[in-house]
C-alpha atoms as a PDB file:
ATOM      1  CA  MET A   1      23.255  14.807  31.958  1.00  0.00           C
ATOM      2  CA  SER A   2      25.126  17.908  33.056  1.00  0.00           C
ATOM      3  CA  GLY A   3      24.593  21.489  31.820  1.00  0.00           C
ATOM      4  CA  ALA A   4      22.598  24.232  31.626  1.00  0.00           C
ATOM      5  CA  LEU A   5      18.714  22.920  30.799  1.00  0.00           C
ATOM      6  CA  ILE A   6      18.369  24.725  27.250  1.00  0.00           C
ATOM      7  CA  ASP A   7      21.633  22.818  26.035  1.00  0.00           C
ATOM      8  CA  ILE A   8      19.807  19.770  27.356  1.00  0.00           C
ATOM      9  CA  VAL A   9      16.854  19.971  25.935  1.00  0.00           C
ATOM     10  CA  GLU A  10      18.175  21.409  22.910  1.00  0.00           C
ATOM     11  CA  ASN A  11      20.406  17.948  22.319  1.00  0.00           C
ATOM     12  CA  LEU A  12      17.038  15.941  23.147  1.00  0.00           C
ATOM     13  CA  THR A  13      15.252  18.316  20.727  1.00  0.00           C
ATOM     14  CA  ARG A  14      17.470  17.198  17.818  1.00  0.00           C
ATOM     15  CA  GLN A  15      17.333  13.650  18.723  1.00  0.00           C
ATOM     16  CA  SER A  16      13.785  13.295  19.154  1.00  0.00           C
ATOM     17  CA  VAL A  17      12.977  15.292  15.927  1.00  0.00           C
ATOM     18  CA  GLU A  18      14.904  12.781  13.967  1.00  0.00           C
ATOM     19  CA  ASN A  19      13.708   9.571  15.951  1.00  0.00           C
ATOM     20  CA  VAL A  20      10.153  10.080  15.486  1.00  0.00           C
ATOM     21  CA  PHE A  21      10.361  10.903  11.813  1.00  0.00           C
ATOM     22  CA  THR A  22      12.502   7.799  11.063  1.00  0.00           C
ATOM     23  CA  GLN A  23      10.848   5.255  13.228  1.00  0.00           C
ATOM     24  CA  MET A  24       7.228   6.482  13.252  1.00  0.00           C
ATOM     25  CA  LEU A  25       7.173   8.434   9.777  1.00  0.00           C
ATOM     26  CA  GLY A  26      10.092   6.455   7.965  1.00  0.00           C
ATOM     27  CA  MET A  27      11.505  10.134   6.856  1.00  0.00           C
ATOM     28  CA  THR A  28      15.023  11.340   7.426  1.00  0.00           C
ATOM     29  CA  MET A  29      15.263  14.694   8.731  1.00  0.00           C
ATOM     30  CA  LEU A  30      18.907  16.116   9.093  1.00  0.00           C
ATOM     31  CA  SER A  31      19.887  19.292  11.291  1.00  0.00           C
ATOM     32  CA  ASP A  32      19.952  22.325   9.069  1.00  0.00           C
ATOM     33  CA  GLY A  33      20.437  26.104  10.246  1.00  0.00           C
ATOM     34  CA  GLY A  34      17.701  28.008  12.069  1.00  0.00           C
ATOM     35  CA  GLU A  35      17.009  30.425   9.442  1.00  0.00           C
ATOM     36  CA  PRO A  36      13.018  31.301   9.193  1.00  0.00           C
ATOM     37  CA  LEU A  37      10.979  29.257   6.765  1.00  0.00           C
ATOM     38  CA  ALA A  38      10.557  30.403   3.369  1.00  0.00           C
ATOM     39  CA  ALA A  39       6.769  32.078   2.922  1.00  0.00           C
ATOM     40  CA  GLU A  40       4.510  29.467   0.963  1.00  0.00           C
ATOM     41  CA  PRO A  41       1.496  30.403  -0.550  1.00  0.00           C
ATOM     42  CA  CYS A  42      -0.274  28.042   1.706  1.00  0.00           C
ATOM     43  CA  GLY A  43       0.805  29.306   4.862  1.00  0.00           C
ATOM     44  CA  GLN A  44       2.550  27.835   8.047  1.00  0.00           C
ATOM     45  CA  ILE A  45       1.698  25.624  10.753  1.00  0.00           C
ATOM     46  CA  VAL A  46       2.632  25.468  14.144  1.00  0.00           C
ATOM     47  CA  GLY A  47       2.321  22.464  16.591  1.00  0.00           C
ATOM     48  CA  SER A  48       3.548  23.194  20.390  1.00  0.00           C
ATOM     49  CA  VAL A  49       3.596  21.002  23.371  1.00  0.00           C
ATOM     50  CA  GLY A  50       4.793  22.076  26.789  1.00  0.00           C
ATOM     51  CA  PHE A  51       6.111  20.484  30.022  1.00  0.00           C
ATOM     52  CA  ALA A  52       5.968  21.794  33.581  1.00  0.00           C
ATOM     53  CA  GLY A  53       7.477  20.843  36.852  1.00  0.00           C
ATOM     54  CA  GLN A  54      11.651  20.816  37.796  1.00  0.00           C
ATOM     55  CA  ALA A  55      11.943  21.658  33.887  1.00  0.00           C
ATOM     56  CA  ASN A  56       9.535  24.484  32.390  1.00  0.00           C
ATOM     57  CA  GLY A  57       9.275  24.959  28.742  1.00  0.00           C
ATOM     58  CA  ILE A  58       7.781  24.397  25.601  1.00  0.00           C
ATOM     59  CA  VAL A  59       8.767  22.978  21.911  1.00  0.00           C
ATOM     60  CA  TYR A  60       6.974  24.601  18.933  1.00  0.00           C
ATOM     61  CA  LEU A  61       7.532  22.859  15.505  1.00  0.00           C
ATOM     62  CA  TYR A  62       7.193  24.691  12.477  1.00  0.00           C
ATOM     63  CA  SER A  63       6.491  23.750   9.001  1.00  0.00           C
ATOM     64  CA  GLY A  64       5.024  25.054   5.933  1.00  0.00           C
ATOM     65  CA  PHE A  65       1.694  23.802   5.223  1.00  0.00           C
ATOM     66  CA  GLY A  66       2.490  21.707   2.100  1.00  0.00           C
ATOM     67  CA  PHE A  67       5.259  19.565   4.291  1.00  0.00           C
ATOM     68  CA  ALA A  68       2.502  19.229   6.896  1.00  0.00           C
ATOM     69  CA  LYS A  69       0.550  17.365   4.254  1.00  0.00           C
ATOM     70  CA  VAL A  70       3.109  15.098   3.325  1.00  0.00           C
ATOM     71  CA  VAL A  71       3.895  14.393   7.099  1.00  0.00           C
ATOM     72  CA  THR A  72       0.002  13.663   7.984  1.00  0.00           C
ATOM     73  CA  GLY A  73      -0.111  11.127   4.427  1.00  0.00           C
ATOM     74  CA  GLN A  74       2.939   9.302   5.942  1.00  0.00           C
ATOM     75  CA  MET A  75       1.270   9.360   9.320  1.00  0.00           C
ATOM     76  CA  LEU A  76      -2.285   8.091   7.905  1.00  0.00           C
ATOM     77  CA  GLY A  77      -0.598   6.076   5.124  1.00  0.00           C
ATOM     78  CA  ILE A  78      -2.499   7.905   2.327  1.00  0.00           C
ATOM     79  CA  SER A  79      -1.650  10.282  -0.467  1.00  0.00           C
ATOM     80  CA  GLU A  80      -2.581  13.696  -1.026  1.00  0.00           C
ATOM     81  CA  ALA A  81      -5.080  12.578  -4.263  1.00  0.00           C
ATOM     82  CA  ASP A  82      -7.031  10.703  -1.665  1.00  0.00           C
ATOM     83  CA  GLY A  83      -7.881  13.882   0.121  1.00  0.00           C
ATOM     84  CA  ILE A  84      -5.910  15.248   3.079  1.00  0.00           C
ATOM     85  CA  GLU A  85      -8.000  17.589   5.071  1.00  0.00           C
ATOM     86  CA  ASP A  86      -7.085  20.310   7.187  1.00  0.00           C
ATOM     87  CA  GLU A  87      -8.177  18.806  10.247  1.00  0.00           C
ATOM     88  CA  MET A  88      -6.488  15.488   9.646  1.00  0.00           C
ATOM     89  CA  VAL A  89      -3.475  17.735   9.022  1.00  0.00           C
ATOM     90  CA  LYS A  90      -4.366  19.889  12.581  1.00  0.00           C
ATOM     91  CA  ASP A  91      -4.513  16.551  14.153  1.00  0.00           C
ATOM     92  CA  ALA A  92      -1.354  15.022  12.810  1.00  0.00           C
ATOM     93  CA  ILE A  93       0.954  18.041  13.453  1.00  0.00           C
ATOM     94  CA  GLY A  94      -0.464  17.962  17.001  1.00  0.00           C
ATOM     95  CA  GLU A  95       0.120  13.935  17.496  1.00  0.00           C
ATOM     96  CA  LEU A  96       3.705  14.392  15.855  1.00  0.00           C
ATOM     97  CA  SER A  97       4.546  17.273  18.401  1.00  0.00           C
ATOM     98  CA  ASN A  98       3.367  15.372  21.337  1.00  0.00           C
ATOM     99  CA  MET A  99       5.516  12.401  20.214  1.00  0.00           C
ATOM    100  CA  VAL A 100       8.593  14.514  19.988  1.00  0.00           C
ATOM    101  CA  VAL A 101       7.795  16.393  23.092  1.00  0.00           C
ATOM    102  CA  GLY A 102       6.685  13.425  24.957  1.00  0.00           C
ATOM    103  CA  ASN A 103      10.085  11.917  24.041  1.00  0.00           C
ATOM    104  CA  ILE A 104      12.049  14.658  25.712  1.00  0.00           C
ATOM    105  CA  LYS A 105      10.212  14.923  28.759  1.00  0.00           C
ATOM    106  CA  SER A 106      11.070  11.139  29.039  1.00  0.00           C
ATOM    107  CA  ARG A 107      14.120  11.452  28.641  1.00  0.00           C
ATOM    108  CA  LEU A 108      14.693  14.720  31.192  1.00  0.00           C
ATOM    109  CA  CYS A 109      12.497  12.458  33.484  1.00  0.00           C
ATOM    110  CA  ASP A 110      14.916   9.952  33.385  1.00  0.00           C
ATOM    111  CA  THR A 111      17.687  12.011  34.517  1.00  0.00           C
ATOM    112  CA  GLY A 112      15.960  13.847  37.281  1.00  0.00           C
ATOM    113  CA  TRP A 113      14.190  16.713  35.635  1.00  0.00           C
ATOM    114  CA  GLU A 114      10.726  15.724  36.604  1.00  0.00           C
ATOM    115  CA  CYS A 115       7.639  17.179  34.728  1.00  0.00           C
ATOM    116  CA  THR A 116       4.121  16.745  32.948  1.00  0.00           C
ATOM    117  CA  LEU A 117       3.274  17.404  29.412  1.00  0.00           C
ATOM    118  CA  THR A 118       0.240  20.352  28.213  1.00  0.00           C
ATOM    119  CA  ILE A 119      -2.128  19.265  25.599  1.00  0.00           C
ATOM    120  CA  PRO A 120      -0.871  20.135  21.892  1.00  0.00           C
ATOM    121  CA  SER A 121      -1.715  23.203  20.660  1.00  0.00           C
ATOM    122  CA  ILE A 122      -2.119  24.174  16.955  1.00  0.00           C
ATOM    123  CA  LEU A 123      -1.509  27.540  15.303  1.00  0.00           C
ATOM    124  CA  ARG A 124      -2.294  28.363  11.800  1.00  0.00           C
ATOM    125  CA  GLY A 125      -1.186  31.332   9.677  1.00  0.00           C
ATOM    126  CA  GLU A 126       1.811  33.003   7.665  1.00  0.00           C
ATOM    127  CA  GLN A 127       5.049  33.874   9.118  1.00  0.00           C
ATOM    128  CA  ILE A 128       4.453  32.906  12.736  1.00  0.00           C
ATOM    129  CA  ALA A 129       7.131  34.181  15.138  1.00  0.00           C
ATOM    130  CA  ILE A 130       7.264  33.105  18.692  1.00  0.00           C
ATOM    131  CA  SER A 131       9.064  35.265  21.367  1.00  0.00           C
ATOM    132  CA  GLY A 132       9.913  34.247  24.698  1.00  0.00           C
ATOM    133  CA  THR A 133       9.650  36.878  27.592  1.00  0.00           C
ATOM    134  CA  GLY A 134      11.592  37.978  30.733  1.00  0.00           C
ATOM    135  CA  THR A 135      14.094  35.165  31.777  1.00  0.00           C
ATOM    136  CA  SER A 136      13.376  32.841  29.124  1.00  0.00           C
ATOM    137  CA  LYS A 137      16.167  31.146  27.228  1.00  0.00           C
ATOM    138  CA  LYS A 138      15.574  29.957  23.256  1.00  0.00           C
ATOM    139  CA  LYS A 139      17.081  28.262  20.545  1.00  0.00           C
ATOM    140  CA  ILE A 140      15.877  27.951  16.981  1.00  0.00           C
ATOM    141  CA  LEU A 141      16.787  24.110  15.115  1.00  0.00           C
ATOM    142  CA  GLY A 142      16.395  23.528  11.886  1.00  0.00           C
ATOM    143  CA  PHE A 143      15.888  20.403  10.427  1.00  0.00           C
ATOM    144  CA  ARG A 144      15.934  19.054   6.118  1.00  0.00           C
ATOM    145  CA  ASN A 145      13.873  16.625   4.718  1.00  0.00           C
ATOM    146  CA  GLN A 146      14.977  16.795   0.955  1.00  0.00           C
ATOM    147  CA  VAL A 147      13.217  19.920  -0.357  1.00  0.00           C
ATOM    148  CA  HIS A 148      11.239  20.218   3.000  1.00  0.00           C
ATOM    149  CA  ARG A 149      12.296  22.447   6.023  1.00  0.00           C
ATOM    150  CA  MET A 150      11.131  22.390   9.802  1.00  0.00           C
ATOM    151  CA  LEU A 151      12.265  24.284  12.274  1.00  0.00           C
ATOM    152  CA  ALA A 152      12.142  23.636  16.193  1.00  0.00           C
ATOM    153  CA  HIS A 153      12.114  26.466  18.361  1.00  0.00           C
ATOM    154  CA  VAL A 154      13.016  25.502  22.310  1.00  0.00           C
ATOM    155  CA  VAL A 155      11.778  28.217  25.057  1.00  0.00           C
ATOM    156  CA  ILE A 156      13.024  27.470  28.713  1.00  0.00           C
ATOM    157  CA  LYS A 157      12.398  28.848  31.981  1.00  0.00           C
ATOM    158  CA  GLU A 158      14.686  27.383  34.433  1.00  0.00           C
ATOM    159  CA  VAL A 159      13.339  27.166  37.943  1.00  0.00           C
END
């Protein structure tokens, strides 16, 4: 892989989100614009996992809490009628973030960008926005599954 690290991670993020959703959840996610998510009455949830080493960055996966419940149901094989609790959603989004960024990290290491992962972090709120600092580079990628949208916010600090 050649090119700027931000471009490499952007491409890997697109591939990883699409692959993880297809293979692990049986859901199709198509690339979409990176516009902000619409406000939802139940708010947003963000899962993030970072990587550090020869490549340093963090990937934030944003979705409305409603879509996060759909993802949790798919992951656990249960329906909302079965009672999907907030703690289950947090765990599922943390695991989803870990799978997506773990795939990115593996591909980076395969091409000589050795790095390790951080543990997943979860944020919940309304209209959450992350900003980079100083020399960080960022990309915001959008994805759509039928009526649901999510964003992947990639922040890279090149060493």
